[in-house]
N, C-alpha and C. Protein backbone atom coordinates (compact mmCIF):
# COMPACT_ATOMS: atom_id res chain seq x y z
N MET A 1 45.11 -7.36 -37.90
CA MET A 1 45.32 -6.05 -37.31
C MET A 1 46.83 -5.78 -37.21
N LYS A 2 47.22 -4.55 -37.54
CA LYS A 2 48.62 -4.16 -37.48
C LYS A 2 49.09 -4.07 -36.04
N THR A 3 50.34 -4.48 -35.85
CA THR A 3 50.94 -4.26 -34.54
C THR A 3 51.47 -2.82 -34.49
N ILE A 4 51.77 -2.35 -33.31
CA ILE A 4 52.34 -1.01 -33.16
C ILE A 4 53.68 -0.93 -33.88
N TYR A 5 54.43 -2.04 -33.90
CA TYR A 5 55.73 -2.05 -34.58
C TYR A 5 55.56 -1.90 -36.09
N GLN A 6 54.55 -2.56 -36.64
CA GLN A 6 54.27 -2.41 -38.08
C GLN A 6 53.90 -0.97 -38.40
N ALA A 7 53.03 -0.39 -37.59
CA ALA A 7 52.58 0.98 -37.82
C ALA A 7 53.75 1.96 -37.74
N VAL A 8 54.59 1.80 -36.73
CA VAL A 8 55.74 2.69 -36.57
C VAL A 8 56.68 2.54 -37.76
N GLY A 9 56.97 1.32 -38.16
CA GLY A 9 57.84 1.09 -39.31
C GLY A 9 57.29 1.72 -40.58
N GLU A 10 56.01 1.56 -40.81
CA GLU A 10 55.37 2.15 -41.99
C GLU A 10 55.40 3.68 -41.92
N ASN A 11 55.18 4.22 -40.73
CA ASN A 11 55.20 5.68 -40.58
C ASN A 11 56.60 6.25 -40.76
N ILE A 12 57.62 5.53 -40.28
CA ILE A 12 59.00 5.97 -40.49
C ILE A 12 59.30 6.00 -41.99
N ARG A 13 58.96 4.93 -42.67
CA ARG A 13 59.21 4.86 -44.11
C ARG A 13 58.46 5.96 -44.86
N ALA A 14 57.19 6.16 -44.53
CA ALA A 14 56.38 7.18 -45.21
C ALA A 14 56.98 8.56 -45.00
N LYS A 15 57.37 8.86 -43.78
CA LYS A 15 57.94 10.18 -43.48
C LYS A 15 59.29 10.35 -44.16
N ARG A 16 60.09 9.29 -44.18
CA ARG A 16 61.41 9.35 -44.83
C ARG A 16 61.24 9.63 -46.32
N LEU A 17 60.35 8.91 -46.96
CA LEU A 17 60.12 9.10 -48.39
C LEU A 17 59.51 10.47 -48.68
N GLN A 18 58.59 10.89 -47.84
CA GLN A 18 57.96 12.20 -48.00
C GLN A 18 58.99 13.31 -47.90
N SER A 19 60.01 13.09 -47.10
CA SER A 19 61.07 14.08 -46.93
C SER A 19 62.14 13.97 -48.01
N GLY A 20 62.01 12.98 -48.87
CA GLY A 20 63.00 12.81 -49.94
C GLY A 20 64.32 12.23 -49.47
N LEU A 21 64.28 11.49 -48.37
CA LEU A 21 65.49 10.91 -47.80
C LEU A 21 65.65 9.45 -48.20
N THR A 22 66.88 9.04 -48.45
CA THR A 22 67.18 7.63 -48.63
C THR A 22 67.43 7.02 -47.25
N LEU A 23 67.53 5.71 -47.20
CA LEU A 23 67.89 5.07 -45.94
C LEU A 23 69.25 5.57 -45.46
N GLU A 24 70.17 5.76 -46.39
CA GLU A 24 71.51 6.24 -46.05
C GLU A 24 71.46 7.66 -45.49
N ASP A 25 70.61 8.51 -46.07
CA ASP A 25 70.46 9.87 -45.54
C ASP A 25 69.97 9.84 -44.10
N LEU A 26 68.93 9.05 -43.86
CA LEU A 26 68.37 8.97 -42.51
C LEU A 26 69.38 8.34 -41.55
N ALA A 27 70.16 7.40 -42.03
CA ALA A 27 71.21 6.80 -41.19
C ALA A 27 72.21 7.86 -40.76
N GLU A 28 72.60 8.71 -41.70
CA GLU A 28 73.55 9.78 -41.39
C GLU A 28 72.95 10.78 -40.39
N LEU A 29 71.69 11.11 -40.56
CA LEU A 29 71.04 12.07 -39.68
C LEU A 29 70.79 11.52 -38.28
N SER A 30 70.57 10.21 -38.20
CA SER A 30 70.21 9.61 -36.91
C SER A 30 71.37 8.91 -36.21
N GLY A 31 72.41 8.58 -36.95
CA GLY A 31 73.52 7.84 -36.35
C GLY A 31 73.27 6.35 -36.26
N LEU A 32 72.21 5.88 -36.91
CA LEU A 32 71.90 4.45 -36.94
C LEU A 32 72.34 3.87 -38.29
N HIS A 33 72.42 2.56 -38.39
CA HIS A 33 72.79 1.92 -39.65
C HIS A 33 71.58 1.87 -40.58
N ALA A 34 71.84 2.11 -41.85
CA ALA A 34 70.77 2.10 -42.85
C ALA A 34 70.06 0.75 -42.88
N SER A 35 70.82 -0.32 -42.76
CA SER A 35 70.19 -1.65 -42.81
C SER A 35 69.25 -1.86 -41.61
N TYR A 36 69.63 -1.33 -40.46
CA TYR A 36 68.79 -1.45 -39.26
C TYR A 36 67.49 -0.66 -39.45
N ILE A 37 67.60 0.54 -40.00
CA ILE A 37 66.41 1.35 -40.25
C ILE A 37 65.49 0.63 -41.24
N GLY A 38 66.07 0.03 -42.28
CA GLY A 38 65.28 -0.74 -43.24
C GLY A 38 64.56 -1.90 -42.58
N GLN A 39 65.23 -2.55 -41.65
CA GLN A 39 64.61 -3.68 -40.94
C GLN A 39 63.45 -3.20 -40.08
N ILE A 40 63.59 -2.03 -39.48
CA ILE A 40 62.50 -1.46 -38.68
C ILE A 40 61.32 -1.15 -39.60
N GLU A 41 61.61 -0.53 -40.75
CA GLU A 41 60.56 -0.18 -41.69
C GLU A 41 59.81 -1.41 -42.19
N ARG A 42 60.53 -2.51 -42.38
CA ARG A 42 59.91 -3.75 -42.88
C ARG A 42 59.36 -4.64 -41.76
N ASN A 43 59.48 -4.18 -40.53
CA ASN A 43 58.99 -4.90 -39.36
C ASN A 43 59.73 -6.22 -39.12
N SER A 44 60.99 -6.29 -39.54
CA SER A 44 61.77 -7.48 -39.21
C SER A 44 62.60 -7.25 -37.95
N LYS A 45 62.67 -6.00 -37.50
CA LYS A 45 63.26 -5.64 -36.21
C LYS A 45 62.29 -4.72 -35.49
N LYS A 46 62.28 -4.82 -34.18
CA LYS A 46 61.40 -3.98 -33.37
C LYS A 46 62.22 -2.86 -32.75
N ALA A 47 61.82 -1.64 -33.00
CA ALA A 47 62.55 -0.49 -32.48
C ALA A 47 62.17 -0.22 -31.03
N SER A 48 63.17 0.11 -30.23
CA SER A 48 62.90 0.54 -28.86
C SER A 48 62.37 1.97 -28.89
N LEU A 49 61.85 2.43 -27.78
CA LEU A 49 61.38 3.81 -27.69
C LEU A 49 62.53 4.79 -27.92
N ASP A 50 63.70 4.45 -27.40
CA ASP A 50 64.87 5.31 -27.63
C ASP A 50 65.20 5.41 -29.11
N THR A 51 65.13 4.29 -29.81
CA THR A 51 65.42 4.28 -31.25
C THR A 51 64.38 5.09 -32.01
N VAL A 52 63.12 4.96 -31.65
CA VAL A 52 62.06 5.74 -32.30
C VAL A 52 62.31 7.23 -32.08
N ALA A 53 62.75 7.61 -30.89
CA ALA A 53 63.05 9.01 -30.60
C ALA A 53 64.22 9.51 -31.45
N VAL A 54 65.24 8.68 -31.61
CA VAL A 54 66.40 9.05 -32.44
C VAL A 54 65.96 9.24 -33.90
N LEU A 55 65.12 8.33 -34.38
CA LEU A 55 64.64 8.44 -35.76
C LEU A 55 63.75 9.67 -35.94
N ALA A 56 62.94 9.97 -34.95
CA ALA A 56 62.09 11.17 -35.02
C ALA A 56 62.95 12.42 -35.13
N ARG A 57 64.03 12.47 -34.34
CA ARG A 57 64.95 13.62 -34.43
C ARG A 57 65.57 13.69 -35.83
N GLY A 58 65.99 12.55 -36.35
CA GLY A 58 66.57 12.52 -37.69
C GLY A 58 65.60 12.97 -38.76
N LEU A 59 64.34 12.63 -38.57
CA LEU A 59 63.29 13.01 -39.53
C LEU A 59 62.73 14.40 -39.24
N ASN A 60 63.15 14.98 -38.12
CA ASN A 60 62.69 16.31 -37.72
C ASN A 60 61.17 16.36 -37.52
N VAL A 61 60.66 15.35 -36.81
CA VAL A 61 59.23 15.28 -36.51
C VAL A 61 59.06 14.94 -35.03
N PRO A 62 57.92 15.29 -34.46
CA PRO A 62 57.65 14.86 -33.08
C PRO A 62 57.52 13.33 -33.04
N VAL A 63 57.92 12.73 -31.93
CA VAL A 63 57.86 11.27 -31.79
C VAL A 63 56.45 10.76 -32.07
N ARG A 64 55.44 11.48 -31.61
CA ARG A 64 54.06 11.02 -31.79
C ARG A 64 53.71 10.81 -33.26
N ARG A 65 54.36 11.56 -34.14
CA ARG A 65 54.08 11.45 -35.57
C ARG A 65 54.46 10.06 -36.11
N LEU A 66 55.41 9.41 -35.46
CA LEU A 66 55.81 8.07 -35.90
C LEU A 66 54.88 6.99 -35.35
N PHE A 67 54.12 7.32 -34.34
CA PHE A 67 53.14 6.37 -33.80
C PHE A 67 51.77 6.55 -34.44
N PHE A 68 51.45 7.78 -34.74
CA PHE A 68 50.13 8.09 -35.29
C PHE A 68 50.30 8.86 -36.58
N ALA A 69 50.00 8.24 -37.70
CA ALA A 69 50.14 8.91 -38.99
C ALA A 69 49.13 10.03 -39.10
N GLU A 70 49.58 11.14 -39.62
CA GLU A 70 48.67 12.27 -39.84
C GLU A 70 48.15 12.19 -41.26
N ALA A 71 46.88 12.47 -41.41
CA ALA A 71 46.25 12.37 -42.72
C ALA A 71 46.88 13.33 -43.72
N ARG A 72 47.16 14.54 -43.31
CA ARG A 72 47.70 15.53 -44.24
C ARG A 72 48.68 16.41 -43.48
N THR A 73 49.83 16.59 -44.03
CA THR A 73 50.81 17.46 -43.40
C THR A 73 50.56 18.91 -43.78
N ARG A 74 50.89 19.81 -42.90
CA ARG A 74 50.71 21.23 -43.18
C ARG A 74 51.82 21.77 -44.06
N ARG A 75 52.95 21.12 -44.03
CA ARG A 75 54.09 21.59 -44.79
C ARG A 75 54.12 20.90 -46.14
N SER A 76 54.60 21.60 -47.12
CA SER A 76 54.65 21.03 -48.45
C SER A 76 55.80 20.04 -48.54
N THR A 77 55.69 19.12 -49.45
CA THR A 77 56.74 18.14 -49.68
C THR A 77 58.02 18.84 -50.11
N VAL A 78 57.92 19.88 -50.91
CA VAL A 78 59.11 20.62 -51.36
C VAL A 78 59.83 21.22 -50.16
N THR A 79 59.09 21.81 -49.26
CA THR A 79 59.69 22.40 -48.06
C THR A 79 60.38 21.32 -47.24
N GLU A 80 59.75 20.18 -47.07
CA GLU A 80 60.36 19.09 -46.30
C GLU A 80 61.62 18.58 -46.97
N LYS A 81 61.61 18.49 -48.30
CA LYS A 81 62.81 18.04 -49.02
C LYS A 81 63.95 19.03 -48.87
N LEU A 82 63.64 20.32 -48.95
CA LEU A 82 64.67 21.34 -48.75
C LEU A 82 65.25 21.26 -47.34
N GLU A 83 64.39 21.10 -46.35
CA GLU A 83 64.86 20.99 -44.98
C GLU A 83 65.74 19.75 -44.80
N ALA A 84 65.35 18.66 -45.43
CA ALA A 84 66.14 17.43 -45.33
C ALA A 84 67.53 17.63 -45.94
N ILE A 85 67.59 18.29 -47.08
CA ILE A 85 68.87 18.57 -47.72
C ILE A 85 69.73 19.44 -46.81
N LEU A 86 69.13 20.47 -46.24
CA LEU A 86 69.89 21.37 -45.37
C LEU A 86 70.41 20.65 -44.12
N ARG A 87 69.61 19.75 -43.56
CA ARG A 87 70.04 19.03 -42.35
C ARG A 87 71.26 18.15 -42.61
N LEU A 88 71.49 17.77 -43.86
CA LEU A 88 72.63 16.91 -44.18
C LEU A 88 73.94 17.69 -44.23
N ASN A 89 73.87 19.00 -44.12
CA ASN A 89 75.05 19.85 -44.25
C ASN A 89 75.34 20.58 -42.94
N ASP A 90 76.62 20.98 -42.79
CA ASP A 90 76.98 21.74 -41.60
C ASP A 90 76.55 23.19 -41.75
N PRO A 91 76.58 23.98 -40.67
CA PRO A 91 76.08 25.36 -40.73
C PRO A 91 76.74 26.21 -41.82
N ARG A 92 78.03 26.07 -42.04
CA ARG A 92 78.71 26.85 -43.08
C ARG A 92 78.17 26.50 -44.46
N GLU A 93 77.98 25.21 -44.70
CA GLU A 93 77.44 24.77 -45.99
C GLU A 93 76.00 25.23 -46.17
N ARG A 94 75.24 25.27 -45.08
CA ARG A 94 73.86 25.73 -45.16
C ARG A 94 73.79 27.19 -45.62
N LYS A 95 74.72 28.02 -45.13
CA LYS A 95 74.76 29.42 -45.54
C LYS A 95 75.04 29.53 -47.03
N ILE A 96 75.95 28.71 -47.52
CA ILE A 96 76.28 28.72 -48.95
C ILE A 96 75.07 28.31 -49.77
N ILE A 97 74.41 27.22 -49.35
CA ILE A 97 73.22 26.74 -50.07
C ILE A 97 72.13 27.81 -50.07
N LEU A 98 71.91 28.43 -48.93
CA LEU A 98 70.90 29.48 -48.83
C LEU A 98 71.23 30.64 -49.76
N GLY A 99 72.49 31.02 -49.82
CA GLY A 99 72.91 32.09 -50.73
C GLY A 99 72.65 31.74 -52.19
N VAL A 100 72.96 30.51 -52.56
CA VAL A 100 72.71 30.06 -53.93
C VAL A 100 71.21 30.08 -54.24
N LEU A 101 70.40 29.62 -53.30
CA LEU A 101 68.94 29.63 -53.50
C LEU A 101 68.41 31.05 -53.64
N ARG A 102 68.94 31.98 -52.84
CA ARG A 102 68.50 33.37 -52.96
C ARG A 102 68.84 33.94 -54.34
N GLN A 103 70.05 33.68 -54.80
CA GLN A 103 70.47 34.17 -56.12
C GLN A 103 69.61 33.56 -57.22
N LEU A 104 69.34 32.27 -57.11
CA LEU A 104 68.50 31.60 -58.09
C LEU A 104 67.09 32.16 -58.08
N SER A 105 66.56 32.39 -56.90
CA SER A 105 65.22 32.96 -56.78
C SER A 105 65.15 34.35 -57.41
N ARG A 106 66.14 35.18 -57.13
CA ARG A 106 66.18 36.52 -57.74
C ARG A 106 66.26 36.43 -59.26
N ALA A 107 67.10 35.53 -59.75
CA ALA A 107 67.27 35.38 -61.20
C ALA A 107 65.97 34.91 -61.84
N LEU A 108 65.26 34.00 -61.18
CA LEU A 108 64.00 33.50 -61.73
C LEU A 108 62.93 34.59 -61.73
N ARG A 109 62.87 35.38 -60.68
CA ARG A 109 61.89 36.48 -60.63
C ARG A 109 62.21 37.54 -61.67
N GLY A 110 63.49 37.75 -61.91
CA GLY A 110 63.89 38.75 -62.90
C GLY A 110 63.63 38.33 -64.33
N SER A 111 63.49 37.00 -64.54
CA SER A 111 63.29 36.51 -65.91
C SER A 111 61.82 36.42 -66.29
N THR A 112 60.92 36.77 -65.38
CA THR A 112 59.49 36.69 -65.70
C THR A 112 58.93 38.00 -66.16
């Protein structure tokens, strides 16, 4: 039987990969070391509740999602990947990225 630590580590890894984040990306978002996050994912370190909360914020999910895996997410993987990319940038950079996406979207719609 899995321990709660194994389940949490697996859920962190699954959510990180689903969001298209590397360990380094999640480390930047959470302020934790990438190697420490990897150890939590592999169950070689046990995360405190505070650490799980920090990782949940970095992954932009409710803490409960890291304890209880959801069978199917309502959001698409593409949407989660876009959100993850945006979270890695400051507000000014986000505006630039959004502008580029709008222009690209218009250009793609115009070419059909």
